[in-house]
Amino acid sequence: MSRVVIVTGGARGIGRATALRFARDGARVVVWDVKPDEGLAAELSAAGGEGLFQTVDVTDAGAVEAAVAAVMERWGRIDVLVNNAGLLRDHQLVKWKDGRQLAAMSERDFDAVVAVNLKGVFLCTRAAVPHMIAGGGGVILNVSSVVGLYGNFGQTNYAATKAGVVNMTRTWARELGRHNIRVNAVAPGFIATEMVQAMPEKILRSLVERTPLGRMGRPEDIAEAYFWLASDAAGFVHGTVLSVDGGLTPGT
């Protein structure tokens, strides 16, 4: 039977590549995003799977629960949840120059990133897990980041949430393994998404220079990591964080 896979934040970038990777394996792929579909569901079906797009705000518990209920009504199971949705609102904690404060990270930006990157992962997983348990097991994959492992300038909010995801992953591994639910995280390095590629050329060069393999990652690199972790080939991999970063973490 084809697996039912939910990918949050699946309309663009890593999420889209991940949804397409599972579709090529014949999965029934559900994409959640706040952005419009733009033909993705049809593209997933054309890739060899069956596609469903749902407009879902992962910070809204009611919307998440309703979306899960719709998936269960349509297909009766959830096999894989990829918690990929994420948000960036970068700023220094306090920007100080020439003896005075110029700016600071706002409470609004801090809360927005925590809501999507941390609370969203919690809400989606909480909604899906009872159905996985009832169905005999499943796989939960969470997106962390290399900055969640070692921090990064100007990313107090983002780095904190990604570190939180690591420890939610480890906690859920302890709680859910007995129910045949494997839980792992992926920590991407610098990936050439639309958002990153819009950065100034000077910054892009510096990112490549910091990566020992000498290139930025592709969304497909992360998609393949998700796909492998969800497969039977990774059947004894549980509670781990897989860095997919071109060697960046050991190079820091």
C-alpha atoms as a PDB file:
ATOM      1  CA  MET A   1       0.000   0.000   0.000  1.00  0.00           C
ATOM      2  CA  SER A   2       1.302   3.462  -0.904  1.00  0.00           C
ATOM      3  CA  ARG A   3       2.457   5.505   2.055  1.00  0.00           C
ATOM      4  CA  VAL A   4       0.610   8.673   3.087  1.00  0.00           C
ATOM      5  CA  VAL A   5       3.139  11.453   3.611  1.00  0.00           C
ATOM      6  CA  ILE A   6       2.456  14.957   4.962  1.00  0.00           C
ATOM      7  CA  VAL A   7       5.023  17.655   4.135  1.00  0.00           C
ATOM      8  CA  THR A   8       4.575  21.005   5.853  1.00  0.00           C
ATOM      9  CA  GLY A   9       5.914  24.109   4.136  1.00  0.00           C
ATOM     10  CA  GLY A  10       5.852  22.119   0.915  1.00  0.00           C
ATOM     11  CA  ALA A  11       5.004  24.788  -1.652  1.00  0.00           C
ATOM     12  CA  ARG A  12       8.571  25.945  -2.260  1.00  0.00           C
ATOM     13  CA  GLY A  13      12.228  25.022  -1.850  1.00  0.00           C
ATOM     14  CA  ILE A  14      13.174  22.039   0.300  1.00  0.00           C
ATOM     15  CA  GLY A  15       9.562  21.178   1.045  1.00  0.00           C
ATOM     16  CA  ARG A  16       8.606  21.043  -2.622  1.00  0.00           C
ATOM     17  CA  ALA A  17      11.647  18.913  -3.490  1.00  0.00           C
ATOM     18  CA  THR A  18      10.755  16.579  -0.630  1.00  0.00           C
ATOM     19  CA  ALA A  19       7.137  16.231  -1.703  1.00  0.00           C
ATOM     20  CA  LEU A  20       8.230  15.408  -5.253  1.00  0.00           C
ATOM     21  CA  ARG A  21      10.777  12.857  -4.020  1.00  0.00           C
ATOM     22  CA  PHE A  22       8.132  10.925  -2.119  1.00  0.00           C
ATOM     23  CA  ALA A  23       5.724  11.222  -5.062  1.00  0.00           C
ATOM     24  CA  ARG A  24       8.283   9.600  -7.364  1.00  0.00           C
ATOM     25  CA  ASP A  25       8.183   6.628  -5.021  1.00  0.00           C
ATOM     26  CA  GLY A  26       4.428   6.393  -5.547  1.00  0.00           C
ATOM     27  CA  ALA A  27       3.410   7.938  -2.232  1.00  0.00           C
ATOM     28  CA  ARG A  28       0.209   9.792  -1.558  1.00  0.00           C
ATOM     29  CA  VAL A  29       1.645  13.187  -0.654  1.00  0.00           C
ATOM     30  CA  VAL A  30      -0.185  15.890   1.267  1.00  0.00           C
ATOM     31  CA  VAL A  31       1.391  19.348   1.107  1.00  0.00           C
ATOM     32  CA  TRP A  32       0.538  21.919   3.757  1.00  0.00           C
ATOM     33  CA  ASP A  33       1.444  25.554   3.199  1.00  0.00           C
ATOM     34  CA  VAL A  34       0.087  29.067   3.625  1.00  0.00           C
ATOM     35  CA  LYS A  35       1.192  29.882   0.065  1.00  0.00           C
ATOM     36  CA  PRO A  36      -0.977  29.007  -2.969  1.00  0.00           C
ATOM     37  CA  ASP A  37      -0.780  25.615  -4.659  1.00  0.00           C
ATOM     38  CA  GLU A  38       0.331  26.824  -8.123  1.00  0.00           C
ATOM     39  CA  GLY A  39      -0.195  23.379  -9.621  1.00  0.00           C
ATOM     40  CA  LEU A  40       1.890  21.381  -7.157  1.00  0.00           C
ATOM     41  CA  ALA A  41      -0.789  18.768  -6.486  1.00  0.00           C
ATOM     42  CA  ALA A  42      -1.014  18.006 -10.200  1.00  0.00           C
ATOM     43  CA  GLU A  43       2.781  17.903 -10.446  1.00  0.00           C
ATOM     44  CA  LEU A  44       2.933  15.367  -7.614  1.00  0.00           C
ATOM     45  CA  SER A  45       0.453  13.142  -9.411  1.00  0.00           C
ATOM     46  CA  ALA A  46       2.399  13.471 -12.644  1.00  0.00           C
ATOM     47  CA  ALA A  47       5.563  12.419 -10.785  1.00  0.00           C
ATOM     48  CA  GLY A  48       3.991   9.081 -10.002  1.00  0.00           C
ATOM     49  CA  GLY A  49       2.221   9.599  -6.705  1.00  0.00           C
ATOM     50  CA  GLU A  50      -1.071  11.140  -5.687  1.00  0.00           C
ATOM     51  CA  GLY A  51      -1.056  14.760  -4.623  1.00  0.00           C
ATOM     52  CA  LEU A  52      -3.209  16.790  -2.250  1.00  0.00           C
ATOM     53  CA  PHE A  53      -2.635  20.441  -1.343  1.00  0.00           C
ATOM     54  CA  GLN A  54      -4.141  21.918   1.824  1.00  0.00           C
ATOM     55  CA  THR A  55      -3.853  25.540   2.901  1.00  0.00           C
ATOM     56  CA  VAL A  56      -2.728  25.181   6.511  1.00  0.00           C
ATOM     57  CA  ASP A  57      -1.180  27.587   9.007  1.00  0.00           C
ATOM     58  CA  VAL A  58       0.903  25.304  11.225  1.00  0.00           C
ATOM     59  CA  THR A  59       0.635  27.790  14.113  1.00  0.00           C
ATOM     60  CA  ASP A  60      -3.159  27.341  14.215  1.00  0.00           C
ATOM     61  CA  ALA A  61      -4.060  24.244  16.249  1.00  0.00           C
ATOM     62  CA  GLY A  62      -7.608  24.143  14.913  1.00  0.00           C
ATOM     63  CA  ALA A  63      -6.452  24.337  11.288  1.00  0.00           C
ATOM     64  CA  VAL A  64      -3.881  21.589  11.845  1.00  0.00           C
ATOM     65  CA  GLU A  65      -6.404  19.276  13.501  1.00  0.00           C
ATOM     66  CA  ALA A  66      -8.917  19.882  10.701  1.00  0.00           C
ATOM     67  CA  ALA A  67      -6.310  19.153   8.032  1.00  0.00           C
ATOM     68  CA  VAL A  68      -5.322  15.902   9.732  1.00  0.00           C
ATOM     69  CA  ALA A  69      -8.979  14.901   9.949  1.00  0.00           C
ATOM     70  CA  ALA A  70      -9.358  15.539   6.196  1.00  0.00           C
ATOM     71  CA  VAL A  71      -6.326  13.352   5.423  1.00  0.00           C
ATOM     72  CA  MET A  72      -7.697  10.562   7.597  1.00  0.00           C
ATOM     73  CA  GLU A  73     -11.104  10.805   5.956  1.00  0.00           C
ATOM     74  CA  ARG A  74      -9.537  10.566   2.497  1.00  0.00           C
ATOM     75  CA  TRP A  75      -6.855   7.929   3.033  1.00  0.00           C
ATOM     76  CA  GLY A  76      -7.381   6.539   6.531  1.00  0.00           C
ATOM     77  CA  ARG A  77      -3.756   6.684   7.641  1.00  0.00           C
ATOM     78  CA  ILE A  78      -0.655   8.837   8.120  1.00  0.00           C
ATOM     79  CA  ASP A  79       2.679   7.091   7.632  1.00  0.00           C
ATOM     80  CA  VAL A  80       5.187   9.945   7.471  1.00  0.00           C
ATOM     81  CA  LEU A  81       5.109  13.520   8.772  1.00  0.00           C
ATOM     82  CA  VAL A  82       7.827  15.863   7.544  1.00  0.00           C
ATOM     83  CA  ASN A  83       7.830  18.986   9.727  1.00  0.00           C
ATOM     84  CA  ASN A  84       9.561  21.183   7.174  1.00  0.00           C
ATOM     85  CA  ALA A  85       7.755  24.554   7.540  1.00  0.00           C
ATOM     86  CA  GLY A  86      10.030  27.329   8.748  1.00  0.00           C
ATOM     87  CA  LEU A  87      10.387  31.083   9.071  1.00  0.00           C
ATOM     88  CA  LEU A  88      13.313  33.515   9.166  1.00  0.00           C
ATOM     89  CA  ARG A  89      13.257  36.945  10.825  1.00  0.00           C
ATOM     90  CA  ASP A  90      16.941  37.718  11.274  1.00  0.00           C
ATOM     91  CA  HIS A  91      18.325  40.570  13.354  1.00  0.00           C
ATOM     92  CA  GLN A  92      21.015  41.122  15.929  1.00  0.00           C
ATOM     93  CA  LEU A  93      19.830  40.942  19.524  1.00  0.00           C
ATOM     94  CA  VAL A  94      21.075  44.532  19.903  1.00  0.00           C
ATOM     95  CA  LYS A  95      22.784  46.476  17.129  1.00  0.00           C
ATOM     96  CA  TRP A  96      25.267  48.887  18.661  1.00  0.00           C
ATOM     97  CA  LYS A  97      27.530  51.358  16.896  1.00  0.00           C
ATOM     98  CA  ASP A  98      29.445  54.498  17.842  1.00  0.00           C
ATOM     99  CA  GLY A  99      28.359  54.283  21.452  1.00  0.00           C
ATOM    100  CA  ARG A 100      24.623  53.963  20.878  1.00  0.00           C
ATOM    101  CA  GLN A 101      21.965  51.425  20.120  1.00  0.00           C
ATOM    102  CA  LEU A 102      20.732  51.544  16.540  1.00  0.00           C
ATOM    103  CA  ALA A 103      18.229  48.684  16.618  1.00  0.00           C
ATOM    104  CA  ALA A 104      17.246  45.426  18.316  1.00  0.00           C
ATOM    105  CA  MET A 105      15.391  42.218  17.538  1.00  0.00           C
ATOM    106  CA  SER A 106      11.708  42.879  18.035  1.00  0.00           C
ATOM    107  CA  GLU A 107       9.440  40.799  20.211  1.00  0.00           C
ATOM    108  CA  ARG A 108       7.145  40.387  17.193  1.00  0.00           C
ATOM    109  CA  ASP A 109       9.915  38.830  15.094  1.00  0.00           C
ATOM    110  CA  PHE A 110      11.009  36.598  17.960  1.00  0.00           C
ATOM    111  CA  ASP A 111       7.484  35.344  18.570  1.00  0.00           C
ATOM    112  CA  ALA A 112       6.741  34.793  14.868  1.00  0.00           C
ATOM    113  CA  VAL A 113       9.752  32.522  14.402  1.00  0.00           C
ATOM    114  CA  VAL A 114       9.021  30.580  17.602  1.00  0.00           C
ATOM    115  CA  ALA A 115       5.395  30.122  16.516  1.00  0.00           C
ATOM    116  CA  VAL A 116       6.245  28.541  13.157  1.00  0.00           C
ATOM    117  CA  ASN A 117       9.541  26.780  13.823  1.00  0.00           C
ATOM    118  CA  LEU A 118       8.822  25.376  17.265  1.00  0.00           C
ATOM    119  CA  LYS A 119       5.128  25.531  18.113  1.00  0.00           C
ATOM    120  CA  GLY A 120       4.200  24.493  14.572  1.00  0.00           C
ATOM    121  CA  VAL A 121       6.305  21.342  14.848  1.00  0.00           C
ATOM    122  CA  PHE A 122       4.644  20.574  18.183  1.00  0.00           C
ATOM    123  CA  LEU A 123       1.091  21.120  16.888  1.00  0.00           C
ATOM    124  CA  CYS A 124       1.529  19.064  13.718  1.00  0.00           C
ATOM    125  CA  THR A 125       3.186  16.181  15.539  1.00  0.00           C
ATOM    126  CA  ARG A 126       0.624  16.175  18.332  1.00  0.00           C
ATOM    127  CA  ALA A 127      -2.165  15.980  15.755  1.00  0.00           C
ATOM    128  CA  ALA A 128      -0.597  13.178  13.699  1.00  0.00           C
ATOM    129  CA  VAL A 129       0.784  10.888  16.406  1.00  0.00           C
ATOM    130  CA  PRO A 130      -2.515   9.380  17.669  1.00  0.00           C
ATOM    131  CA  HIS A 131      -3.302   8.231  14.128  1.00  0.00           C
ATOM    132  CA  MET A 132       0.183   6.783  13.708  1.00  0.00           C
ATOM    133  CA  ILE A 133      -0.160   4.865  16.968  1.00  0.00           C
ATOM    134  CA  ALA A 134      -3.577   3.540  15.956  1.00  0.00           C
ATOM    135  CA  GLY A 135      -2.149   2.549  12.573  1.00  0.00           C
ATOM    136  CA  GLY A 136       0.755   0.599  14.014  1.00  0.00           C
ATOM    137  CA  GLY A 137       3.588   3.097  13.635  1.00  0.00           C
ATOM    138  CA  GLY A 138       5.083   5.794  11.461  1.00  0.00           C
ATOM    139  CA  VAL A 139       7.942   8.198  10.902  1.00  0.00           C
ATOM    140  CA  ILE A 140       8.314  11.797  12.071  1.00  0.00           C
ATOM    141  CA  LEU A 141      11.026  13.943  10.486  1.00  0.00           C
ATOM    142  CA  ASN A 142      11.813  17.410  11.816  1.00  0.00           C
ATOM    143  CA  VAL A 143      13.802  20.166  10.177  1.00  0.00           C
ATOM    144  CA  SER A 144      16.504  21.605  12.402  1.00  0.00           C
ATOM    145  CA  SER A 145      19.568  23.466  11.097  1.00  0.00           C
ATOM    146  CA  VAL A 146      23.293  23.571  11.566  1.00  0.00           C
ATOM    147  CA  VAL A 147      22.723  26.922  13.309  1.00  0.00           C
ATOM    148  CA  GLY A 148      20.689  25.032  15.890  1.00  0.00           C
ATOM    149  CA  LEU A 149      23.843  23.071  16.682  1.00  0.00           C
ATOM    150  CA  TYR A 150      26.349  25.920  16.946  1.00  0.00           C
ATOM    151  CA  GLY A 151      24.426  29.234  16.760  1.00  0.00           C
ATOM    152  CA  ASN A 152      24.762  32.001  14.205  1.00  0.00           C
ATOM    153  CA  PHE A 153      25.210  35.747  14.192  1.00  0.00           C
ATOM    154  CA  GLY A 154      21.897  37.609  13.905  1.00  0.00           C
ATOM    155  CA  GLN A 155      19.729  34.539  14.431  1.00  0.00           C
ATOM    156  CA  THR A 156      18.834  34.452  18.122  1.00  0.00           C
ATOM    157  CA  ASN A 157      15.255  33.426  17.369  1.00  0.00           C
ATOM    158  CA  TYR A 158      15.980  31.001  14.532  1.00  0.00           C
ATOM    159  CA  ALA A 159      18.909  29.258  16.239  1.00  0.00           C
ATOM    160  CA  ALA A 160      16.947  28.879  19.460  1.00  0.00           C
ATOM    161  CA  THR A 161      14.012  27.243  17.693  1.00  0.00           C
ATOM    162  CA  LYS A 162      16.232  24.876  15.748  1.00  0.00           C
ATOM    163  CA  ALA A 163      18.011  23.832  18.935  1.00  0.00           C
ATOM    164  CA  GLY A 164      14.576  23.279  20.451  1.00  0.00           C
ATOM    165  CA  VAL A 165      13.621  21.037  17.539  1.00  0.00           C
ATOM    166  CA  VAL A 166      16.680  18.874  18.222  1.00  0.00           C
ATOM    167  CA  ASN A 167      15.567  18.243  21.776  1.00  0.00           C
ATOM    168  CA  MET A 168      11.915  17.725  20.873  1.00  0.00           C
ATOM    169  CA  THR A 169      13.181  15.091  18.437  1.00  0.00           C
ATOM    170  CA  ARG A 170      15.177  13.335  21.135  1.00  0.00           C
ATOM    171  CA  THR A 171      12.339  13.529  23.637  1.00  0.00           C
ATOM    172  CA  TRP A 172       9.777  12.143  21.203  1.00  0.00           C
ATOM    173  CA  ALA A 173      12.198   9.377  20.261  1.00  0.00           C
ATOM    174  CA  ARG A 174      12.112   8.258  23.892  1.00  0.00           C
ATOM    175  CA  GLU A 175       8.338   8.577  24.140  1.00  0.00           C
ATOM    176  CA  LEU A 176       7.225   7.181  20.797  1.00  0.00           C
ATOM    177  CA  GLY A 177       9.666   4.391  19.983  1.00  0.00           C
ATOM    178  CA  ARG A 178       7.509   1.944  21.956  1.00  0.00           C
ATOM    179  CA  HIS A 179       4.708   2.675  19.477  1.00  0.00           C
ATOM    180  CA  ASN A 180       6.904   1.862  16.452  1.00  0.00           C
ATOM    181  CA  ILE A 181       7.200   5.546  15.562  1.00  0.00           C
ATOM    182  CA  ARG A 182      10.698   6.594  14.544  1.00  0.00           C
ATOM    183  CA  VAL A 183      11.619  10.255  15.095  1.00  0.00           C
ATOM    184  CA  ASN A 184      14.655  11.952  13.556  1.00  0.00           C
ATOM    185  CA  ALA A 185      15.783  15.408  12.512  1.00  0.00           C
ATOM    186  CA  VAL A 186      17.730  16.793   9.576  1.00  0.00           C
ATOM    187  CA  ALA A 187      20.065  19.752  10.060  1.00  0.00           C
ATOM    188  CA  PRO A 188      20.650  21.407   6.674  1.00  0.00           C
ATOM    189  CA  GLY A 189      23.602  23.652   5.992  1.00  0.00           C
ATOM    190  CA  PHE A 190      23.450  26.450   3.430  1.00  0.00           C
ATOM    191  CA  ILE A 191      20.929  25.378   0.808  1.00  0.00           C
ATOM    192  CA  ALA A 192      20.326  27.170  -2.514  1.00  0.00           C
ATOM    193  CA  THR A 193      16.659  27.967  -2.048  1.00  0.00           C
ATOM    194  CA  GLU A 194      15.019  31.000  -3.668  1.00  0.00           C
ATOM    195  CA  MET A 195      15.345  32.912  -0.399  1.00  0.00           C
ATOM    196  CA  VAL A 196      19.063  32.239  -0.081  1.00  0.00           C
ATOM    197  CA  GLN A 197      19.826  32.858  -3.753  1.00  0.00           C
ATOM    198  CA  ALA A 198      18.289  36.325  -3.425  1.00  0.00           C
ATOM    199  CA  MET A 199      21.109  37.303  -1.053  1.00  0.00           C
ATOM    200  CA  PRO A 200      23.923  39.585  -2.282  1.00  0.00           C
ATOM    201  CA  GLU A 201      26.622  37.831  -4.287  1.00  0.00           C
ATOM    202  CA  LYS A 202      29.264  38.660  -1.681  1.00  0.00           C
ATOM    203  CA  ILE A 203      27.327  36.836   1.021  1.00  0.00           C
ATOM    204  CA  LEU A 204      26.697  33.853  -1.237  1.00  0.00           C
ATOM    205  CA  ARG A 205      30.424  33.543  -1.935  1.00  0.00           C
ATOM    206  CA  SER A 206      31.180  33.621   1.783  1.00  0.00           C
ATOM    207  CA  LEU A 207      28.680  30.815   2.398  1.00  0.00           C
ATOM    208  CA  VAL A 208      30.358  28.650  -0.221  1.00  0.00           C
ATOM    209  CA  GLU A 209      33.809  29.444   1.176  1.00  0.00           C
ATOM    210  CA  ARG A 210      32.701  28.300   4.641  1.00  0.00           C
ATOM    211  CA  THR A 211      31.467  24.955   3.292  1.00  0.00           C
ATOM    212  CA  PRO A 212      34.282  22.365   2.973  1.00  0.00           C
ATOM    213  CA  LEU A 213      32.732  20.711  -0.113  1.00  0.00           C
ATOM    214  CA  GLY A 214      32.929  24.086  -1.855  1.00  0.00           C
ATOM    215  CA  ARG A 215      29.310  24.443  -2.895  1.00  0.00           C
ATOM    216  CA  MET A 216      25.903  25.176  -1.483  1.00  0.00           C
ATOM    217  CA  GLY A 217      23.456  22.352  -1.006  1.00  0.00           C
ATOM    218  CA  ARG A 218      20.471  21.789  -3.266  1.00  0.00           C
ATOM    219  CA  PRO A 219      16.909  21.284  -1.998  1.00  0.00           C
ATOM    220  CA  GLU A 220      17.151  17.794  -3.461  1.00  0.00           C
ATOM    221  CA  ASP A 221      20.060  16.995  -1.120  1.00  0.00           C
ATOM    222  CA  ILE A 222      17.777  17.511   1.874  1.00  0.00           C
ATOM    223  CA  ALA A 223      14.869  15.747   0.172  1.00  0.00           C
ATOM    224  CA  GLU A 224      17.015  12.645  -0.291  1.00  0.00           C
ATOM    225  CA  ALA A 225      17.959  12.720   3.391  1.00  0.00           C
ATOM    226  CA  TYR A 226      14.300  12.892   4.409  1.00  0.00           C
ATOM    227  CA  PHE A 227      13.450  10.084   2.002  1.00  0.00           C
ATOM    228  CA  TRP A 228      16.189   7.822   3.330  1.00  0.00           C
ATOM    229  CA  LEU A 229      15.279   8.470   6.965  1.00  0.00           C
ATOM    230  CA  ALA A 230      11.666   7.556   6.180  1.00  0.00           C
ATOM    231  CA  SER A 231      12.668   4.322   4.451  1.00  0.00           C
ATOM    232  CA  ASP A 232      13.141   0.822   5.830  1.00  0.00           C
ATOM    233  CA  ALA A 233      16.860   1.242   5.108  1.00  0.00           C
ATOM    234  CA  ALA A 234      16.950   3.584   8.127  1.00  0.00           C
ATOM    235  CA  GLY A 235      14.815   1.269  10.238  1.00  0.00           C
ATOM    236  CA  PHE A 236      17.175   1.365  13.242  1.00  0.00           C
ATOM    237  CA  VAL A 237      17.918   5.099  13.023  1.00  0.00           C
ATOM    238  CA  HIS A 238      15.977   6.803  15.799  1.00  0.00           C
ATOM    239  CA  GLY A 239      16.430   9.968  17.834  1.00  0.00           C
ATOM    240  CA  THR A 240      19.299  11.265  15.729  1.00  0.00           C
ATOM    241  CA  VAL A 241      20.119  14.536  13.987  1.00  0.00           C
ATOM    242  CA  LEU A 242      21.538  14.094  10.500  1.00  0.00           C
ATOM    243  CA  SER A 243      23.633  17.058   9.377  1.00  0.00           C
ATOM    244  CA  VAL A 244      23.439  17.566   5.613  1.00  0.00           C
ATOM    245  CA  ASP A 245      25.788  20.485   5.252  1.00  0.00           C
ATOM    246  CA  GLY A 246      28.737  19.708   2.989  1.00  0.00           C
ATOM    247  CA  GLY A 247      31.010  19.342   6.007  1.00  0.00           C
ATOM    248  CA  LEU A 248      30.146  22.721   7.506  1.00  0.00           C
ATOM    249  CA  THR A 249      29.546  21.541  11.077  1.00  0.00           C
ATOM    250  CA  PRO A 250      32.908  19.802  11.626  1.00  0.00           C
ATOM    251  CA  GLY A 251      34.546  22.718   9.830  1.00  0.00           C
ATOM    252  CA  THR A 252      33.298  25.336  12.315  1.00  0.00           C
END
